[in-house]
Amino acid sequence: MVMQALYDTLKPRFLLGEFTKQRDDLAFITVEAVRLHALLRHLRDQEGFTHLVLLTAVDWLEDGQFQLTYLLNNRAKRQDVGLRVLIARDNATMESIHDLWAAAATYQRELREMFGIDFPDSPRLHEDFILEGWQDIPPYRRDFDTLKYAQENYRDRPGRETRDPAQHMKQQLYGED
């Protein structure tokens, strides 16, 4: 009920979208990208959600969108709220929140490298982070073909054959047929 009350209080001011209660102490709220920064600042400064737990993305390839999820924690009340933002997949860009939480810059670097989402003005955003020298499309995008990439860039090695798991275990347990 507490999370619903928070949502009801914030909804008119921030024109919030869908509310999903996971538990009494965890809810997710959909918000428009242009309203996110102000809502995050309010939640941090007025509602006690002072800890940015994580920032992550989901690639909704069929819908042409990314979903960004910002998970915040209010330690005093032991509550978590997740804010979901949908942005266009093509030329994906989202306002940086590193001015609210310095740790967000690291999450944003990772999302730029792994999904191709740009966060203008975020520090060190365009420096290699995990994938030094990567030239292909971002590997966490659902249209990235992992098998094709591996076949084009790595040679086959003995012992790396694919086996049917059921047949392999049968052979391990009972020997040859």
C-alpha atoms as a PDB file:
ATOM      1  CA  MET A   1       0.000   0.000   0.000  1.00  0.00           C
ATOM      2  CA  VAL A   2       2.939   2.312   0.728  1.00  0.00           C
ATOM      3  CA  MET A   3       4.307   2.086  -2.811  1.00  0.00           C
ATOM      4  CA  GLN A   4       0.848   2.712  -4.252  1.00  0.00           C
ATOM      5  CA  ALA A   5       0.552   5.841  -2.089  1.00  0.00           C
ATOM      6  CA  LEU A   6       3.921   7.072  -3.358  1.00  0.00           C
ATOM      7  CA  TYR A   7       2.786   6.490  -6.941  1.00  0.00           C
ATOM      8  CA  ASP A   8      -0.535   8.247  -6.354  1.00  0.00           C
ATOM      9  CA  THR A   9       1.287  11.258  -4.885  1.00  0.00           C
ATOM     10  CA  LEU A  10       3.791  11.514  -7.747  1.00  0.00           C
ATOM     11  CA  LYS A  11       1.504  10.667 -10.670  1.00  0.00           C
ATOM     12  CA  PRO A  12      -0.096  14.091 -11.240  1.00  0.00           C
ATOM     13  CA  ARG A  13       3.165  16.006 -10.906  1.00  0.00           C
ATOM     14  CA  PHE A  14       5.290  13.755 -13.152  1.00  0.00           C
ATOM     15  CA  LEU A  15       2.536  12.322 -15.401  1.00  0.00           C
ATOM     16  CA  LEU A  16       3.539   8.776 -14.573  1.00  0.00           C
ATOM     17  CA  GLY A  17       2.588   5.751 -16.629  1.00  0.00           C
ATOM     18  CA  GLU A  18       2.039   2.143 -15.599  1.00  0.00           C
ATOM     19  CA  PHE A  19       2.502   1.077 -11.975  1.00  0.00           C
ATOM     20  CA  THR A  20       3.538  -2.501 -11.186  1.00  0.00           C
ATOM     21  CA  LYS A  21       3.738  -3.622  -7.572  1.00  0.00           C
ATOM     22  CA  GLN A  22       6.109  -6.575  -7.161  1.00  0.00           C
ATOM     23  CA  ARG A  23       6.010  -6.691  -3.352  1.00  0.00           C
ATOM     24  CA  ASP A  24       5.040  -4.344  -0.528  1.00  0.00           C
ATOM     25  CA  ASP A  25       8.543  -2.853  -0.667  1.00  0.00           C
ATOM     26  CA  LEU A  26       9.175  -2.980  -4.454  1.00  0.00           C
ATOM     27  CA  ALA A  27       7.342  -1.341  -7.341  1.00  0.00           C
ATOM     28  CA  PHE A  28       8.099  -0.339 -10.925  1.00  0.00           C
ATOM     29  CA  ILE A  29       6.812   2.812 -12.576  1.00  0.00           C
ATOM     30  CA  THR A  30       6.908   3.750 -16.243  1.00  0.00           C
ATOM     31  CA  VAL A  31       7.876   7.342 -16.935  1.00  0.00           C
ATOM     32  CA  GLU A  32       8.533   9.385 -20.071  1.00  0.00           C
ATOM     33  CA  ALA A  33      12.210  10.029 -20.812  1.00  0.00           C
ATOM     34  CA  VAL A  34      11.792  13.816 -20.632  1.00  0.00           C
ATOM     35  CA  ARG A  35      10.413  13.559 -17.071  1.00  0.00           C
ATOM     36  CA  LEU A  36      12.928  11.058 -15.689  1.00  0.00           C
ATOM     37  CA  HIS A  37      15.664  13.408 -14.451  1.00  0.00           C
ATOM     38  CA  ALA A  38      13.276  15.593 -12.452  1.00  0.00           C
ATOM     39  CA  LEU A  39      11.562  12.515 -10.988  1.00  0.00           C
ATOM     40  CA  LEU A  40      14.894  10.951  -9.985  1.00  0.00           C
ATOM     41  CA  ARG A  41      15.968  14.196  -8.303  1.00  0.00           C
ATOM     42  CA  HIS A  42      12.655  14.375  -6.416  1.00  0.00           C
ATOM     43  CA  LEU A  43      12.855  10.742  -5.305  1.00  0.00           C
ATOM     44  CA  ARG A  44      16.434  11.271  -4.094  1.00  0.00           C
ATOM     45  CA  ASP A  45      15.971  14.651  -2.394  1.00  0.00           C
ATOM     46  CA  GLN A  46      12.366  14.484  -1.154  1.00  0.00           C
ATOM     47  CA  GLU A  47      11.434  10.815  -0.806  1.00  0.00           C
ATOM     48  CA  GLY A  48      14.658   9.310   0.580  1.00  0.00           C
ATOM     49  CA  PHE A  49      15.615   7.114  -2.391  1.00  0.00           C
ATOM     50  CA  THR A  50      19.272   8.055  -2.062  1.00  0.00           C
ATOM     51  CA  HIS A  51      20.944   4.952  -3.467  1.00  0.00           C
ATOM     52  CA  LEU A  52      21.109   4.114  -7.176  1.00  0.00           C
ATOM     53  CA  VAL A  53      21.171   0.326  -7.080  1.00  0.00           C
ATOM     54  CA  LEU A  54      21.519  -0.250 -10.817  1.00  0.00           C
ATOM     55  CA  LEU A  55      20.822   1.015 -14.295  1.00  0.00           C
ATOM     56  CA  THR A  56      20.168  -1.601 -16.931  1.00  0.00           C
ATOM     57  CA  ALA A  57      18.594  -2.043 -20.357  1.00  0.00           C
ATOM     58  CA  VAL A  58      16.416  -4.501 -22.261  1.00  0.00           C
ATOM     59  CA  ASP A  59      16.391  -4.627 -26.061  1.00  0.00           C
ATOM     60  CA  TRP A  60      12.809  -4.862 -27.355  1.00  0.00           C
ATOM     61  CA  LEU A  61      13.957  -5.474 -30.937  1.00  0.00           C
ATOM     62  CA  GLU A  62      10.476  -6.201 -32.299  1.00  0.00           C
ATOM     63  CA  ASP A  63       9.141  -2.937 -30.884  1.00  0.00           C
ATOM     64  CA  GLY A  64      12.151  -0.862 -31.964  1.00  0.00           C
ATOM     65  CA  GLN A  65      12.775   0.242 -28.378  1.00  0.00           C
ATOM     66  CA  PHE A  66      15.105  -0.077 -25.449  1.00  0.00           C
ATOM     67  CA  GLN A  67      13.750  -0.169 -21.933  1.00  0.00           C
ATOM     68  CA  LEU A  68      16.024   1.470 -19.390  1.00  0.00           C
ATOM     69  CA  THR A  69      15.380   0.578 -15.761  1.00  0.00           C
ATOM     70  CA  TYR A  70      16.702   2.736 -12.941  1.00  0.00           C
ATOM     71  CA  LEU A  71      16.448   0.953  -9.585  1.00  0.00           C
ATOM     72  CA  LEU A  72      16.561   3.152  -6.479  1.00  0.00           C
ATOM     73  CA  ASN A  73      16.662   2.225  -2.814  1.00  0.00           C
ATOM     74  CA  ASN A  74      15.405   4.016   0.285  1.00  0.00           C
ATOM     75  CA  ARG A  75      17.556   2.467   3.007  1.00  0.00           C
ATOM     76  CA  ALA A  76      15.645   4.036   5.910  1.00  0.00           C
ATOM     77  CA  LYS A  77      12.312   2.578   4.764  1.00  0.00           C
ATOM     78  CA  ARG A  78      13.785  -0.541   3.119  1.00  0.00           C
ATOM     79  CA  GLN A  79      11.969   0.178  -0.132  1.00  0.00           C
ATOM     80  CA  ASP A  80      12.979  -0.086  -3.771  1.00  0.00           C
ATOM     81  CA  VAL A  81      11.452   1.652  -6.747  1.00  0.00           C
ATOM     82  CA  GLY A  82      12.292   0.943 -10.368  1.00  0.00           C
ATOM     83  CA  LEU A  83      11.690   3.547 -13.027  1.00  0.00           C
ATOM     84  CA  ARG A  84      11.175   2.214 -16.546  1.00  0.00           C
ATOM     85  CA  VAL A  85      11.831   4.419 -19.552  1.00  0.00           C
ATOM     86  CA  LEU A  86      11.267   3.439 -23.177  1.00  0.00           C
ATOM     87  CA  ILE A  87      13.481   5.058 -25.803  1.00  0.00           C
ATOM     88  CA  ALA A  88      13.744   4.559 -29.544  1.00  0.00           C
ATOM     89  CA  ARG A  89      16.261   1.891 -30.518  1.00  0.00           C
ATOM     90  CA  ASP A  90      17.496   3.786 -33.589  1.00  0.00           C
ATOM     91  CA  ASN A  91      20.021   6.434 -32.526  1.00  0.00           C
ATOM     92  CA  ALA A  92      19.212   5.608 -28.906  1.00  0.00           C
ATOM     93  CA  THR A  93      19.939   8.565 -26.635  1.00  0.00           C
ATOM     94  CA  MET A  94      19.069   9.270 -23.017  1.00  0.00           C
ATOM     95  CA  GLU A  95      19.890  12.164 -20.704  1.00  0.00           C
ATOM     96  CA  SER A  96      22.751  11.387 -18.332  1.00  0.00           C
ATOM     97  CA  ILE A  97      22.096  11.195 -14.599  1.00  0.00           C
ATOM     98  CA  HIS A  98      25.746  11.280 -13.506  1.00  0.00           C
ATOM     99  CA  ASP A  99      25.057  14.655 -11.873  1.00  0.00           C
ATOM    100  CA  LEU A 100      22.650  12.917  -9.464  1.00  0.00           C
ATOM    101  CA  TRP A 101      24.751   9.804  -8.794  1.00  0.00           C
ATOM    102  CA  ALA A 102      28.403   9.688  -9.861  1.00  0.00           C
ATOM    103  CA  ALA A 103      28.186   5.881 -10.123  1.00  0.00           C
ATOM    104  CA  ALA A 104      25.678   6.287 -12.956  1.00  0.00           C
ATOM    105  CA  ALA A 105      28.542   7.247 -15.277  1.00  0.00           C
ATOM    106  CA  THR A 106      29.890   3.686 -15.051  1.00  0.00           C
ATOM    107  CA  TYR A 107      26.500   2.142 -15.831  1.00  0.00           C
ATOM    108  CA  GLN A 108      26.062   4.557 -18.741  1.00  0.00           C
ATOM    109  CA  ARG A 109      29.496   3.660 -20.178  1.00  0.00           C
ATOM    110  CA  GLU A 110      28.551  -0.006 -20.056  1.00  0.00           C
ATOM    111  CA  LEU A 111      25.173   0.580 -21.725  1.00  0.00           C
ATOM    112  CA  ARG A 112      26.797   2.658 -24.476  1.00  0.00           C
ATOM    113  CA  GLU A 113      29.322  -0.051 -25.220  1.00  0.00           C
ATOM    114  CA  MET A 114      27.041  -3.083 -24.898  1.00  0.00           C
ATOM    115  CA  PHE A 115      23.788  -1.665 -26.354  1.00  0.00           C
ATOM    116  CA  GLY A 116      24.895   1.450 -28.244  1.00  0.00           C
ATOM    117  CA  ILE A 117      22.825   3.841 -26.099  1.00  0.00           C
ATOM    118  CA  ASP A 118      24.287   7.352 -25.969  1.00  0.00           C
ATOM    119  CA  PHE A 119      24.269   9.446 -22.783  1.00  0.00           C
ATOM    120  CA  PRO A 120      25.530  12.869 -23.910  1.00  0.00           C
ATOM    121  CA  ASP A 121      27.835  14.689 -21.481  1.00  0.00           C
ATOM    122  CA  SER A 122      28.430  11.589 -19.371  1.00  0.00           C
ATOM    123  CA  PRO A 123      32.128  11.459 -18.358  1.00  0.00           C
ATOM    124  CA  ARG A 124      34.472   9.161 -20.286  1.00  0.00           C
ATOM    125  CA  LEU A 125      31.504   7.788 -22.219  1.00  0.00           C
ATOM    126  CA  HIS A 126      33.388   7.133 -25.437  1.00  0.00           C
ATOM    127  CA  GLU A 127      36.470   5.540 -23.910  1.00  0.00           C
ATOM    128  CA  ASP A 128      36.747   1.762 -24.259  1.00  0.00           C
ATOM    129  CA  PHE A 129      35.248   0.170 -21.179  1.00  0.00           C
ATOM    130  CA  ILE A 130      35.011  -3.607 -21.493  1.00  0.00           C
ATOM    131  CA  LEU A 131      35.358  -4.326 -25.213  1.00  0.00           C
ATOM    132  CA  GLU A 132      38.700  -2.774 -26.115  1.00  0.00           C
ATOM    133  CA  GLY A 133      38.887  -2.176 -29.855  1.00  0.00           C
ATOM    134  CA  TRP A 134      35.390  -3.553 -30.553  1.00  0.00           C
ATOM    135  CA  GLN A 135      34.280  -2.751 -34.112  1.00  0.00           C
ATOM    136  CA  ASP A 136      31.064  -4.740 -34.525  1.00  0.00           C
ATOM    137  CA  ILE A 137      27.519  -3.788 -33.474  1.00  0.00           C
ATOM    138  CA  PRO A 138      27.069  -3.739 -29.692  1.00  0.00           C
ATOM    139  CA  PRO A 139      26.964  -7.351 -28.501  1.00  0.00           C
ATOM    140  CA  TYR A 140      23.935  -7.063 -26.181  1.00  0.00           C
ATOM    141  CA  ARG A 141      21.685  -5.963 -29.018  1.00  0.00           C
ATOM    142  CA  ARG A 142      19.411  -8.818 -29.942  1.00  0.00           C
ATOM    143  CA  ASP A 143      20.305  -8.559 -33.639  1.00  0.00           C
ATOM    144  CA  PHE A 144      23.964  -9.311 -32.843  1.00  0.00           C
ATOM    145  CA  ASP A 145      24.660 -12.836 -34.134  1.00  0.00           C
ATOM    146  CA  THR A 146      26.938 -14.429 -31.548  1.00  0.00           C
ATOM    147  CA  LEU A 147      27.428 -17.665 -33.486  1.00  0.00           C
ATOM    148  CA  LYS A 148      28.307 -15.852 -36.719  1.00  0.00           C
ATOM    149  CA  TYR A 149      30.748 -13.594 -34.867  1.00  0.00           C
ATOM    150  CA  ALA A 150      32.429 -16.582 -33.193  1.00  0.00           C
ATOM    151  CA  GLN A 151      32.684 -18.506 -36.480  1.00  0.00           C
ATOM    152  CA  GLU A 152      34.230 -15.494 -38.235  1.00  0.00           C
ATOM    153  CA  ASN A 153      36.687 -14.612 -35.468  1.00  0.00           C
ATOM    154  CA  TYR A 154      37.694 -17.839 -33.738  1.00  0.00           C
ATOM    155  CA  ARG A 155      39.009 -21.109 -35.074  1.00  0.00           C
ATOM    156  CA  ASP A 156      37.573 -24.472 -34.100  1.00  0.00           C
ATOM    157  CA  ARG A 157      39.592 -26.247 -31.421  1.00  0.00           C
ATOM    158  CA  PRO A 158      39.585 -29.924 -30.483  1.00  0.00           C
ATOM    159  CA  GLY A 159      37.384 -30.598 -27.473  1.00  0.00           C
ATOM    160  CA  ARG A 160      34.944 -27.806 -28.321  1.00  0.00           C
ATOM    161  CA  GLU A 161      32.473 -29.953 -30.217  1.00  0.00           C
ATOM    162  CA  THR A 162      28.801 -29.576 -29.456  1.00  0.00           C
ATOM    163  CA  ARG A 163      27.196 -32.730 -28.104  1.00  0.00           C
ATOM    164  CA  ASP A 164      23.609 -33.642 -27.432  1.00  0.00           C
ATOM    165  CA  PRO A 165      23.488 -33.383 -23.628  1.00  0.00           C
ATOM    166  CA  ALA A 166      21.274 -36.450 -23.151  1.00  0.00           C
ATOM    167  CA  GLN A 167      23.450 -38.679 -25.330  1.00  0.00           C
ATOM    168  CA  HIS A 168      26.650 -37.324 -23.782  1.00  0.00           C
ATOM    169  CA  MET A 169      25.474 -38.058 -20.229  1.00  0.00           C
ATOM    170  CA  LYS A 170      24.264 -41.498 -21.244  1.00  0.00           C
ATOM    171  CA  GLN A 171      27.696 -42.252 -22.662  1.00  0.00           C
ATOM    172  CA  GLN A 172      29.410 -40.878 -19.537  1.00  0.00           C
ATOM    173  CA  LEU A 173      27.233 -42.989 -17.244  1.00  0.00           C
ATOM    174  CA  TYR A 174      26.924 -46.218 -19.208  1.00  0.00           C
ATOM    175  CA  GLY A 175      29.775 -46.203 -21.729  1.00  0.00           C
ATOM    176  CA  GLU A 176      29.450 -46.854 -25.455  1.00  0.00           C
ATOM    177  CA  ASP A 177      26.079 -48.024 -26.834  1.00  0.00           C
END
